[in-house]
Amino acid sequence: MYGLGVYGINEEENQLLENPQGICANSRGDVYVVDTGKHRVVRLYNPGNKLEYKTSIGSQGIGNGQFISPEQVALDNSGNIYVTDTGNSRVQVFD
């Protein structure tokens, strides 16, 4: 077994993770990580040998697209993203 990538060592401050929890990926190389400490979901990309930051969704709050202590993330076959928004007692779905 060997590592395919590491994320979180030399990233810019806004790209660093704070208390990452759930993770999921698809066959295209997209990797989604729940960043519980920053109340968001981070999308990384794995081209095969490293993890690259692409974007994030969410911020702290109670509105649509906002989270309080999200914990898990999942994808379906259509590419929808499901996030357990623990602090708001709900699941949010993104396309």
PDB file of N, CA and C in Angstrom:
ATOM      1  N   MET A   1       0.849  -1.173   0.000  1.00  0.00           N
ATOM      2  CA  MET A   1       0.000   0.000   0.000  1.00  0.00           C
ATOM      3  C   MET A   1       0.894   1.235   0.000  1.00  0.00           C
ATOM      4  N   TYR A   2       0.497   2.240  -0.767  1.00  0.00           N
ATOM      5  CA  TYR A   2       1.257   3.477  -0.817  1.00  0.00           C
ATOM      6  C   TYR A   2       0.285   4.649  -0.871  1.00  0.00           C
ATOM      7  N   GLY A   3       0.734   5.811  -0.463  1.00  0.00           N
ATOM      8  CA  GLY A   3      -0.105   7.003  -0.447  1.00  0.00           C
ATOM      9  C   GLY A   3      -0.256   7.596  -1.836  1.00  0.00           C
ATOM     10  N   LEU A   4      -1.460   8.022  -2.153  1.00  0.00           N
ATOM     11  CA  LEU A   4      -1.723   8.675  -3.429  1.00  0.00           C
ATOM     12  C   LEU A   4      -1.708  10.186  -3.314  1.00  0.00           C
ATOM     13  N   GLY A   5      -1.725  10.674  -2.096  1.00  0.00           N
ATOM     14  CA  GLY A   5      -1.717  12.113  -1.926  1.00  0.00           C
ATOM     15  C   GLY A   5      -1.880  12.504  -0.472  1.00  0.00           C
ATOM     16  N   VAL A   6      -1.437  13.692  -0.173  1.00  0.00           N
ATOM     17  CA  VAL A   6      -1.583  14.269   1.158  1.00  0.00           C
ATOM     18  C   VAL A   6      -2.102  15.677   0.973  1.00  0.00           C
ATOM     19  N   TYR A   7      -3.013  16.085   1.825  1.00  0.00           N
ATOM     20  CA  TYR A   7      -3.535  17.441   1.765  1.00  0.00           C
ATOM     21  C   TYR A   7      -3.483  18.037   3.160  1.00  0.00           C
ATOM     22  N   GLY A   8      -3.061  19.293   3.266  1.00  0.00           N
ATOM     23  CA  GLY A   8      -3.074  19.983   4.546  1.00  0.00           C
ATOM     24  C   GLY A   8      -1.701  20.349   5.071  1.00  0.00           C
ATOM     25  N   ILE A   9      -0.675  20.284   4.238  1.00  0.00           N
ATOM     26  CA  ILE A   9       0.673  20.593   4.700  1.00  0.00           C
ATOM     27  C   ILE A   9       1.121  21.987   4.242  1.00  0.00           C
ATOM     28  N   ASN A  10       1.027  22.263   2.959  1.00  0.00           N
ATOM     29  CA  ASN A  10       1.534  23.534   2.420  1.00  0.00           C
ATOM     30  C   ASN A  10       0.437  24.410   1.823  1.00  0.00           C
ATOM     31  N   GLU A  11      -0.804  24.223   2.241  1.00  0.00           N
ATOM     32  CA  GLU A  11      -1.911  24.969   1.659  1.00  0.00           C
ATOM     33  C   GLU A  11      -1.998  26.390   2.239  1.00  0.00           C
ATOM     34  N   GLU A  12      -2.658  27.267   1.494  1.00  0.00           N
ATOM     35  CA  GLU A  12      -2.917  28.622   1.972  1.00  0.00           C
ATOM     36  C   GLU A  12      -3.890  28.559   3.146  1.00  0.00           C
ATOM     37  N   GLU A  13      -3.914  29.598   3.962  1.00  0.00           N
ATOM     38  CA  GLU A  13      -4.719  29.611   5.185  1.00  0.00           C
ATOM     39  C   GLU A  13      -6.189  29.301   4.920  1.00  0.00           C
ATOM     40  N   ASN A  14      -6.792  29.912   3.902  1.00  0.00           N
ATOM     41  CA  ASN A  14      -8.218  29.686   3.635  1.00  0.00           C
ATOM     42  C   ASN A  14      -8.500  28.289   3.088  1.00  0.00           C
ATOM     43  N   GLN A  15      -7.450  27.552   2.713  1.00  0.00           N
ATOM     44  CA  GLN A  15      -7.618  26.202   2.189  1.00  0.00           C
ATOM     45  C   GLN A  15      -7.332  25.123   3.228  1.00  0.00           C
ATOM     46  N   LEU A  16      -6.806  25.510   4.391  1.00  0.00           N
ATOM     47  CA  LEU A  16      -6.517  24.535   5.438  1.00  0.00           C
ATOM     48  C   LEU A  16      -7.808  24.010   6.058  1.00  0.00           C
ATOM     49  N   LEU A  17      -7.789  22.762   6.444  1.00  0.00           N
ATOM     50  CA  LEU A  17      -8.948  22.131   7.077  1.00  0.00           C
ATOM     51  C   LEU A  17      -8.859  22.290   8.595  1.00  0.00           C
ATOM     52  N   GLU A  18     -10.021  22.404   9.241  1.00  0.00           N
ATOM     53  CA  GLU A  18     -10.104  22.486  10.691  1.00  0.00           C
ATOM     54  C   GLU A  18     -11.104  21.444  11.172  1.00  0.00           C
ATOM     55  N   ASN A  19     -10.606  20.344  11.697  1.00  0.00           N
ATOM     56  CA  ASN A  19     -11.424  19.235  12.189  1.00  0.00           C
ATOM     57  C   ASN A  19     -12.200  18.550  11.054  1.00  0.00           C
ATOM     58  N   PRO A  20     -11.490  18.006  10.046  1.00  0.00           N
ATOM     59  CA  PRO A  20     -12.185  17.288   8.980  1.00  0.00           C
ATOM     60  C   PRO A  20     -12.873  16.038   9.515  1.00  0.00           C
ATOM     61  N   GLN A  21     -14.045  15.725   8.974  1.00  0.00           N
ATOM     62  CA  GLN A  21     -14.833  14.582   9.429  1.00  0.00           C
ATOM     63  C   GLN A  21     -15.086  13.626   8.266  1.00  0.00           C
ATOM     64  N   GLY A  22     -16.245  13.730   7.640  1.00  0.00           N
ATOM     65  CA  GLY A  22     -16.633  12.802   6.582  1.00  0.00           C
ATOM     66  C   GLY A  22     -15.924  13.077   5.274  1.00  0.00           C
ATOM     67  N   ILE A  23     -15.831  12.022   4.457  1.00  0.00           N
ATOM     68  CA  ILE A  23     -15.175  12.133   3.159  1.00  0.00           C
ATOM     69  C   ILE A  23     -15.849  11.178   2.174  1.00  0.00           C
ATOM     70  N   CYS A  24     -15.920  11.585   0.916  1.00  0.00           N
ATOM     71  CA  CYS A  24     -16.387  10.702  -0.150  1.00  0.00           C
ATOM     72  C   CYS A  24     -15.711  11.140  -1.439  1.00  0.00           C
ATOM     73  N   ALA A  25     -15.753  10.275  -2.442  1.00  0.00           N
ATOM     74  CA  ALA A  25     -15.098  10.565  -3.710  1.00  0.00           C
ATOM     75  C   ALA A  25     -15.854   9.900  -4.838  1.00  0.00           C
ATOM     76  N   ASN A  26     -15.606  10.369  -6.053  1.00  0.00           N
ATOM     77  CA  ASN A  26     -16.181   9.720  -7.225  1.00  0.00           C
ATOM     78  C   ASN A  26     -15.050   9.249  -8.133  1.00  0.00           C
ATOM     79  N   SER A  27     -15.395   8.568  -9.185  1.00  0.00           N
ATOM     80  CA  SER A  27     -14.393   7.983 -10.082  1.00  0.00           C
ATOM     81  C   SER A  27     -13.686   9.022 -10.950  1.00  0.00           C
ATOM     82  N   ARG A  28     -14.184  10.256 -10.978  1.00  0.00           N
ATOM     83  CA  ARG A  28     -13.558  11.320 -11.767  1.00  0.00           C
ATOM     84  C   ARG A  28     -12.418  12.003 -11.012  1.00  0.00           C
ATOM     85  N   GLY A  29     -12.211  11.645  -9.737  1.00  0.00           N
ATOM     86  CA  GLY A  29     -11.134  12.244  -8.953  1.00  0.00           C
ATOM     87  C   GLY A  29     -11.575  13.333  -8.002  1.00  0.00           C
ATOM     88  N   ASP A  30     -12.885  13.633  -7.981  1.00  0.00           N
ATOM     89  CA  ASP A  30     -13.391  14.621  -7.033  1.00  0.00           C
ATOM     90  C   ASP A  30     -13.446  13.998  -5.642  1.00  0.00           C
ATOM     91  N   VAL A  31     -12.931  14.721  -4.645  1.00  0.00           N
ATOM     92  CA  VAL A  31     -12.933  14.265  -3.260  1.00  0.00           C
ATOM     93  C   VAL A  31     -13.585  15.357  -2.425  1.00  0.00           C
ATOM     94  N   TYR A  32     -14.626  14.990  -1.685  1.00  0.00           N
ATOM     95  CA  TYR A  32     -15.347  15.938  -0.838  1.00  0.00           C
ATOM     96  C   TYR A  32     -15.054  15.627   0.620  1.00  0.00           C
ATOM     97  N   VAL A  33     -14.651  16.663   1.378  1.00  0.00           N
ATOM     98  CA  VAL A  33     -14.315  16.514   2.784  1.00  0.00           C
ATOM     99  C   VAL A  33     -15.152  17.497   3.590  1.00  0.00           C
ATOM    100  N   VAL A  34     -15.809  16.999   4.639  1.00  0.00           N
ATOM    101  CA  VAL A  34     -16.541  17.887   5.534  1.00  0.00           C
ATOM    102  C   VAL A  34     -15.529  18.547   6.467  1.00  0.00           C
ATOM    103  N   ASP A  35     -15.481  19.856   6.438  1.00  0.00           N
ATOM    104  CA  ASP A  35     -14.592  20.652   7.287  1.00  0.00           C
ATOM    105  C   ASP A  35     -15.441  21.198   8.434  1.00  0.00           C
ATOM    106  N   THR A  36     -15.643  20.368   9.455  1.00  0.00           N
ATOM    107  CA  THR A  36     -16.553  20.692  10.551  1.00  0.00           C
ATOM    108  C   THR A  36     -16.176  21.995  11.242  1.00  0.00           C
ATOM    109  N   GLY A  37     -14.906  22.205  11.497  1.00  0.00           N
ATOM    110  CA  GLY A  37     -14.464  23.398  12.221  1.00  0.00           C
ATOM    111  C   GLY A  37     -14.726  24.696  11.489  1.00  0.00           C
ATOM    112  N   LYS A  38     -14.782  24.639  10.155  1.00  0.00           N
ATOM    113  CA  LYS A  38     -15.047  25.844   9.366  1.00  0.00           C
ATOM    114  C   LYS A  38     -16.440  25.818   8.744  1.00  0.00           C
ATOM    115  N   HIS A  39     -17.275  24.844   9.137  1.00  0.00           N
ATOM    116  CA  HIS A  39     -18.683  24.778   8.732  1.00  0.00           C
ATOM    117  C   HIS A  39     -18.844  24.814   7.212  1.00  0.00           C
ATOM    118  N   ARG A  40     -18.152  23.911   6.528  1.00  0.00           N
ATOM    119  CA  ARG A  40     -18.193  23.887   5.064  1.00  0.00           C
ATOM    120  C   ARG A  40     -17.849  22.498   4.544  1.00  0.00           C
ATOM    121  N   VAL A  41     -18.015  22.323   3.241  1.00  0.00           N
ATOM    122  CA  VAL A  41     -17.565  21.126   2.548  1.00  0.00           C
ATOM    123  C   VAL A  41     -16.531  21.578   1.527  1.00  0.00           C
ATOM    124  N   VAL A  42     -15.379  20.944   1.547  1.00  0.00           N
ATOM    125  CA  VAL A  42     -14.282  21.297   0.648  1.00  0.00           C
ATOM    126  C   VAL A  42     -14.224  20.273  -0.485  1.00  0.00           C
ATOM    127  N   ARG A  43     -14.103  20.774  -1.703  1.00  0.00           N
ATOM    128  CA  ARG A  43     -13.921  19.895  -2.860  1.00  0.00           C
ATOM    129  C   ARG A  43     -12.461  19.918  -3.257  1.00  0.00           C
ATOM    130  N   LEU A  44     -11.858  18.742  -3.221  1.00  0.00           N
ATOM    131  CA  LEU A  44     -10.485  18.558  -3.668  1.00  0.00           C
ATOM    132  C   LEU A  44     -10.518  17.770  -4.973  1.00  0.00           C
ATOM    133  N   TYR A  45      -9.404  17.741  -5.668  1.00  0.00           N
ATOM    134  CA  TYR A  45      -9.300  16.943  -6.883  1.00  0.00           C
ATOM    135  C   TYR A  45      -8.043  16.095  -6.777  1.00  0.00           C
ATOM    136  N   ASN A  46      -8.172  14.831  -7.126  1.00  0.00           N
ATOM    137  CA  ASN A  46      -7.041  13.913  -7.106  1.00  0.00           C
ATOM    138  C   ASN A  46      -6.785  13.431  -8.532  1.00  0.00           C
ATOM    139  N   PRO A  47      -5.775  14.007  -9.207  1.00  0.00           N
ATOM    140  CA  PRO A  47      -5.459  13.555 -10.555  1.00  0.00           C
ATOM    141  C   PRO A  47      -4.689  12.235 -10.577  1.00  0.00           C
ATOM    142  N   GLY A  48      -4.431  11.676  -9.404  1.00  0.00           N
ATOM    143  CA  GLY A  48      -3.763  10.387  -9.341  1.00  0.00           C
ATOM    144  C   GLY A  48      -2.555  10.350  -8.435  1.00  0.00           C
ATOM    145  N   ASN A  49      -2.005  11.527  -8.107  1.00  0.00           N
ATOM    146  CA  ASN A  49      -0.799  11.517  -7.279  1.00  0.00           C
ATOM    147  C   ASN A  49      -0.742  12.628  -6.235  1.00  0.00           C
ATOM    148  N   LYS A  50      -1.783  13.453  -6.135  1.00  0.00           N
ATOM    149  CA  LYS A  50      -1.813  14.515  -5.132  1.00  0.00           C
ATOM    150  C   LYS A  50      -3.245  15.007  -4.990  1.00  0.00           C
ATOM    151  N   LEU A  51      -3.520  15.707  -3.914  1.00  0.00           N
ATOM    152  CA  LEU A  51      -4.836  16.302  -3.693  1.00  0.00           C
ATOM    153  C   LEU A  51      -4.724  17.807  -3.871  1.00  0.00           C
ATOM    154  N   GLU A  52      -5.562  18.375  -4.731  1.00  0.00           N
ATOM    155  CA  GLU A  52      -5.540  19.803  -5.022  1.00  0.00           C
ATOM    156  C   GLU A  52      -6.844  20.437  -4.567  1.00  0.00           C
ATOM    157  N   TYR A  53      -6.775  21.590  -3.926  1.00  0.00           N
ATOM    158  CA  TYR A  53      -7.960  22.349  -3.526  1.00  0.00           C
ATOM    159  C   TYR A  53      -8.642  22.898  -4.767  1.00  0.00           C
ATOM    160  N   LYS A  54      -9.974  22.744  -4.852  1.00  0.00           N
ATOM    161  CA  LYS A  54     -10.738  23.315  -5.962  1.00  0.00           C
ATOM    162  C   LYS A  54     -11.695  24.397  -5.486  1.00  0.00           C
ATOM    163  N   THR A  55     -12.539  24.087  -4.499  1.00  0.00           N
ATOM    164  CA  THR A  55     -13.514  25.058  -4.013  1.00  0.00           C
ATOM    165  C   THR A  55     -14.105  24.569  -2.701  1.00  0.00           C
ATOM    166  N   SER A  56     -14.963  25.378  -2.111  1.00  0.00           N
ATOM    167  CA  SER A  56     -15.704  24.941  -0.930  1.00  0.00           C
ATOM    168  C   SER A  56     -17.126  25.468  -1.033  1.00  0.00           C
ATOM    169  N   ILE A  57     -18.031  24.788  -0.342  1.00  0.00           N
ATOM    170  CA  ILE A  57     -19.411  25.252  -0.276  1.00  0.00           C
ATOM    171  C   ILE A  57     -19.796  25.383   1.181  1.00  0.00           C
ATOM    172  N   GLY A  58     -20.574  26.413   1.459  1.00  0.00           N
ATOM    173  CA  GLY A  58     -21.095  26.591   2.801  1.00  0.00           C
ATOM    174  C   GLY A  58     -20.314  27.580   3.639  1.00  0.00           C
ATOM    175  N   SER A  59     -20.973  27.964   4.713  1.00  0.00           N
ATOM    176  CA  SER A  59     -20.410  28.841   5.725  1.00  0.00           C
ATOM    177  C   SER A  59     -21.223  28.597   6.992  1.00  0.00           C
ATOM    178  N   GLN A  60     -20.856  29.246   8.086  1.00  0.00           N
ATOM    179  CA  GLN A  60     -21.578  29.037   9.334  1.00  0.00           C
ATOM    180  C   GLN A  60     -22.895  29.801   9.320  1.00  0.00           C
ATOM    181  N   GLY A  61     -23.982  29.123   9.697  1.00  0.00           N
ATOM    182  CA  GLY A  61     -25.275  29.776   9.772  1.00  0.00           C
ATOM    183  C   GLY A  61     -26.419  28.794   9.699  1.00  0.00           C
ATOM    184  N   ILE A  62     -27.626  29.335   9.582  1.00  0.00           N
ATOM    185  CA  ILE A  62     -28.831  28.505   9.568  1.00  0.00           C
ATOM    186  C   ILE A  62     -29.572  28.538   8.236  1.00  0.00           C
ATOM    187  N   GLY A  63     -29.109  29.328   7.291  1.00  0.00           N
ATOM    188  CA  GLY A  63     -29.777  29.435   6.000  1.00  0.00           C
ATOM    189  C   GLY A  63     -29.412  28.304   5.058  1.00  0.00           C
ATOM    190  N   ASN A  64     -30.057  28.313   3.891  1.00  0.00           N
ATOM    191  CA  ASN A  64     -29.708  27.327   2.864  1.00  0.00           C
ATOM    192  C   ASN A  64     -28.254  27.514   2.460  1.00  0.00           C
ATOM    193  N   GLY A  65     -27.520  26.421   2.376  1.00  0.00           N
ATOM    194  CA  GLY A  65     -26.111  26.480   2.026  1.00  0.00           C
ATOM    195  C   GLY A  65     -25.206  26.835   3.186  1.00  0.00           C
ATOM    196  N   GLN A  66     -25.781  26.966   4.374  1.00  0.00           N
ATOM    197  CA  GLN A  66     -24.996  27.223   5.571  1.00  0.00           C
ATOM    198  C   GLN A  66     -25.099  26.032   6.510  1.00  0.00           C
ATOM    199  N   PHE A  67     -24.083  25.853   7.346  1.00  0.00           N
ATOM    200  CA  PHE A  67     -24.017  24.697   8.238  1.00  0.00           C
ATOM    201  C   PHE A  67     -23.631  25.124   9.649  1.00  0.00           C
ATOM    202  N   ILE A  68     -23.984  24.287  10.587  1.00  0.00           N
ATOM    203  CA  ILE A  68     -23.428  24.342  11.937  1.00  0.00           C
ATOM    204  C   ILE A  68     -22.954  22.931  12.242  1.00  0.00           C
ATOM    205  N   SER A  69     -21.652  22.783  12.304  1.00  0.00           N
ATOM    206  CA  SER A  69     -21.001  21.498  12.594  1.00  0.00           C
ATOM    207  C   SER A  69     -21.441  20.360  11.667  1.00  0.00           C
ATOM    208  N   PRO A  70     -21.264  20.513  10.350  1.00  0.00           N
ATOM    209  CA  PRO A  70     -21.562  19.393   9.451  1.00  0.00           C
ATOM    210  C   PRO A  70     -20.616  18.235   9.757  1.00  0.00           C
ATOM    211  N   GLU A  71     -21.061  16.998   9.498  1.00  0.00           N
ATOM    212  CA  GLU A  71     -20.230  15.844   9.853  1.00  0.00           C
ATOM    213  C   GLU A  71     -19.989  14.849   8.730  1.00  0.00           C
ATOM    214  N   GLN A  72     -20.952  14.603   7.866  1.00  0.00           N
ATOM    215  CA  GLN A  72     -20.795  13.570   6.841  1.00  0.00           C
ATOM    216  C   GLN A  72     -21.198  14.112   5.472  1.00  0.00           C
ATOM    217  N   VAL A  73     -20.663  13.480   4.447  1.00  0.00           N
ATOM    218  CA  VAL A  73     -20.976  13.847   3.070  1.00  0.00           C
ATOM    219  C   VAL A  73     -21.087  12.569   2.243  1.00  0.00           C
ATOM    220  N   ALA A  74     -22.000  12.584   1.274  1.00  0.00           N
ATOM    221  CA  ALA A  74     -22.178  11.430   0.384  1.00  0.00           C
ATOM    222  C   ALA A  74     -22.575  11.940  -0.994  1.00  0.00           C
ATOM    223  N   LEU A  75     -22.300  11.120  -2.001  1.00  0.00           N
ATOM    224  CA  LEU A  75     -22.668  11.416  -3.389  1.00  0.00           C
ATOM    225  C   LEU A  75     -23.611  10.343  -3.891  1.00  0.00           C
ATOM    226  N   ASP A  76     -24.521  10.724  -4.797  1.00  0.00           N
ATOM    227  CA  ASP A  76     -25.316   9.703  -5.471  1.00  0.00           C
ATOM    228  C   ASP A  76     -24.854   9.588  -6.919  1.00  0.00           C
ATOM    229  N   ASN A  77     -25.461   8.683  -7.682  1.00  0.00           N
ATOM    230  CA  ASN A  77     -25.040   8.440  -9.064  1.00  0.00           C
ATOM    231  C   ASN A  77     -25.293   9.615  -9.993  1.00  0.00           C
ATOM    232  N   SER A  78     -26.142  10.554  -9.579  1.00  0.00           N
ATOM    233  CA  SER A  78     -26.421  11.734 -10.394  1.00  0.00           C
ATOM    234  C   SER A  78     -25.488  12.888 -10.075  1.00  0.00           C
ATOM    235  N   GLY A  79     -24.614  12.718  -9.088  1.00  0.00           N
ATOM    236  CA  GLY A  79     -23.676  13.769  -8.725  1.00  0.00           C
ATOM    237  C   GLY A  79     -24.174  14.705  -7.639  1.00  0.00           C
ATOM    238  N   ASN A  80     -25.349  14.427  -7.078  1.00  0.00           N
ATOM    239  CA  ASN A  80     -25.846  15.243  -5.976  1.00  0.00           C
ATOM    240  C   ASN A  80     -25.002  15.000  -4.736  1.00  0.00           C
ATOM    241  N   ILE A  81     -24.825  16.049  -3.933  1.00  0.00           N
ATOM    242  CA  ILE A  81     -24.022  15.989  -2.712  1.00  0.00           C
ATOM    243  C   ILE A  81     -24.969  16.104  -1.525  1.00  0.00           C
ATOM    244  N   TYR A  82     -24.876  15.156  -0.600  1.00  0.00           N
ATOM    245  CA  TYR A  82     -25.706  15.135   0.606  1.00  0.00           C
ATOM    246  C   TYR A  82     -24.812  15.420   1.805  1.00  0.00           C
ATOM    247  N   VAL A  83     -25.208  16.392   2.630  1.00  0.00           N
ATOM    248  CA  VAL A  83     -24.402  16.782   3.782  1.00  0.00           C
ATOM    249  C   VAL A  83     -25.260  16.729   5.039  1.00  0.00           C
ATOM    250  N   THR A  84     -24.781  16.001   6.057  1.00  0.00           N
ATOM    251  CA  THR A  84     -25.468  16.018   7.341  1.00  0.00           C
ATOM    252  C   THR A  84     -25.063  17.288   8.074  1.00  0.00           C
ATOM    253  N   ASP A  85     -26.043  18.142   8.290  1.00  0.00           N
ATOM    254  CA  ASP A  85     -25.856  19.429   8.947  1.00  0.00           C
ATOM    255  C   ASP A  85     -26.286  19.253  10.408  1.00  0.00           C
ATOM    256  N   THR A  86     -25.400  18.673  11.206  1.00  0.00           N
ATOM    257  CA  THR A  86     -25.722  18.212  12.553  1.00  0.00           C
ATOM    258  C   THR A  86     -26.259  19.325  13.447  1.00  0.00           C
ATOM    259  N   GLY A  87     -25.603  20.466  13.475  1.00  0.00           N
ATOM    260  CA  GLY A  87     -26.018  21.554  14.354  1.00  0.00           C
ATOM    261  C   GLY A  87     -27.370  22.141  14.010  1.00  0.00           C
ATOM    262  N   ASN A  88     -27.788  21.999  12.752  1.00  0.00           N
ATOM    263  CA  ASN A  88     -29.105  22.474  12.320  1.00  0.00           C
ATOM    264  C   ASN A  88     -30.123  21.339  12.223  1.00  0.00           C
ATOM    265  N   SER A  89     -29.730  20.132  12.624  1.00  0.00           N
ATOM    266  CA  SER A  89     -30.622  18.958  12.622  1.00  0.00           C
ATOM    267  C   SER A  89     -31.299  18.727  11.278  1.00  0.00           C
ATOM    268  N   ARG A  90     -30.479  18.682  10.214  1.00  0.00           N
ATOM    269  CA  ARG A  90     -31.037  18.491   8.874  1.00  0.00           C
ATOM    270  C   ARG A  90     -29.997  17.885   7.939  1.00  0.00           C
ATOM    271  N   VAL A  91     -30.449  17.531   6.762  1.00  0.00           N
ATOM    272  CA  VAL A  91     -29.586  17.102   5.669  1.00  0.00           C
ATOM    273  C   VAL A  91     -29.806  18.099   4.533  1.00  0.00           C
ATOM    274  N   GLN A  92     -28.728  18.584   3.964  1.00  0.00           N
ATOM    275  CA  GLN A  92     -28.838  19.490   2.823  1.00  0.00           C
ATOM    276  C   GLN A  92     -28.351  18.745   1.576  1.00  0.00           C
ATOM    277  N   VAL A  93     -28.993  19.044   0.437  1.00  0.00           N
ATOM    278  CA  VAL A  93     -28.671  18.389  -0.826  1.00  0.00           C
ATOM    279  C   VAL A  93     -28.269  19.478  -1.819  1.00  0.00           C
ATOM    280  N   PHE A  94     -27.155  19.240  -2.517  1.00  0.00           N
ATOM    281  CA  PHE A  94     -26.649  20.178  -3.522  1.00  0.00           C
ATOM    282  C   PHE A  94     -26.468  19.438  -4.840  1.00  0.00           C
ATOM    283  N   ASP A  95     -26.713  20.152  -5.961  1.00  0.00           N
ATOM    284  CA  ASP A  95     -26.493  19.534  -7.269  1.00  0.00           C
ATOM    285  C   ASP A  95     -25.230  20.046  -7.896  1.00  0.00           C
TER     286      ASP A  95
END
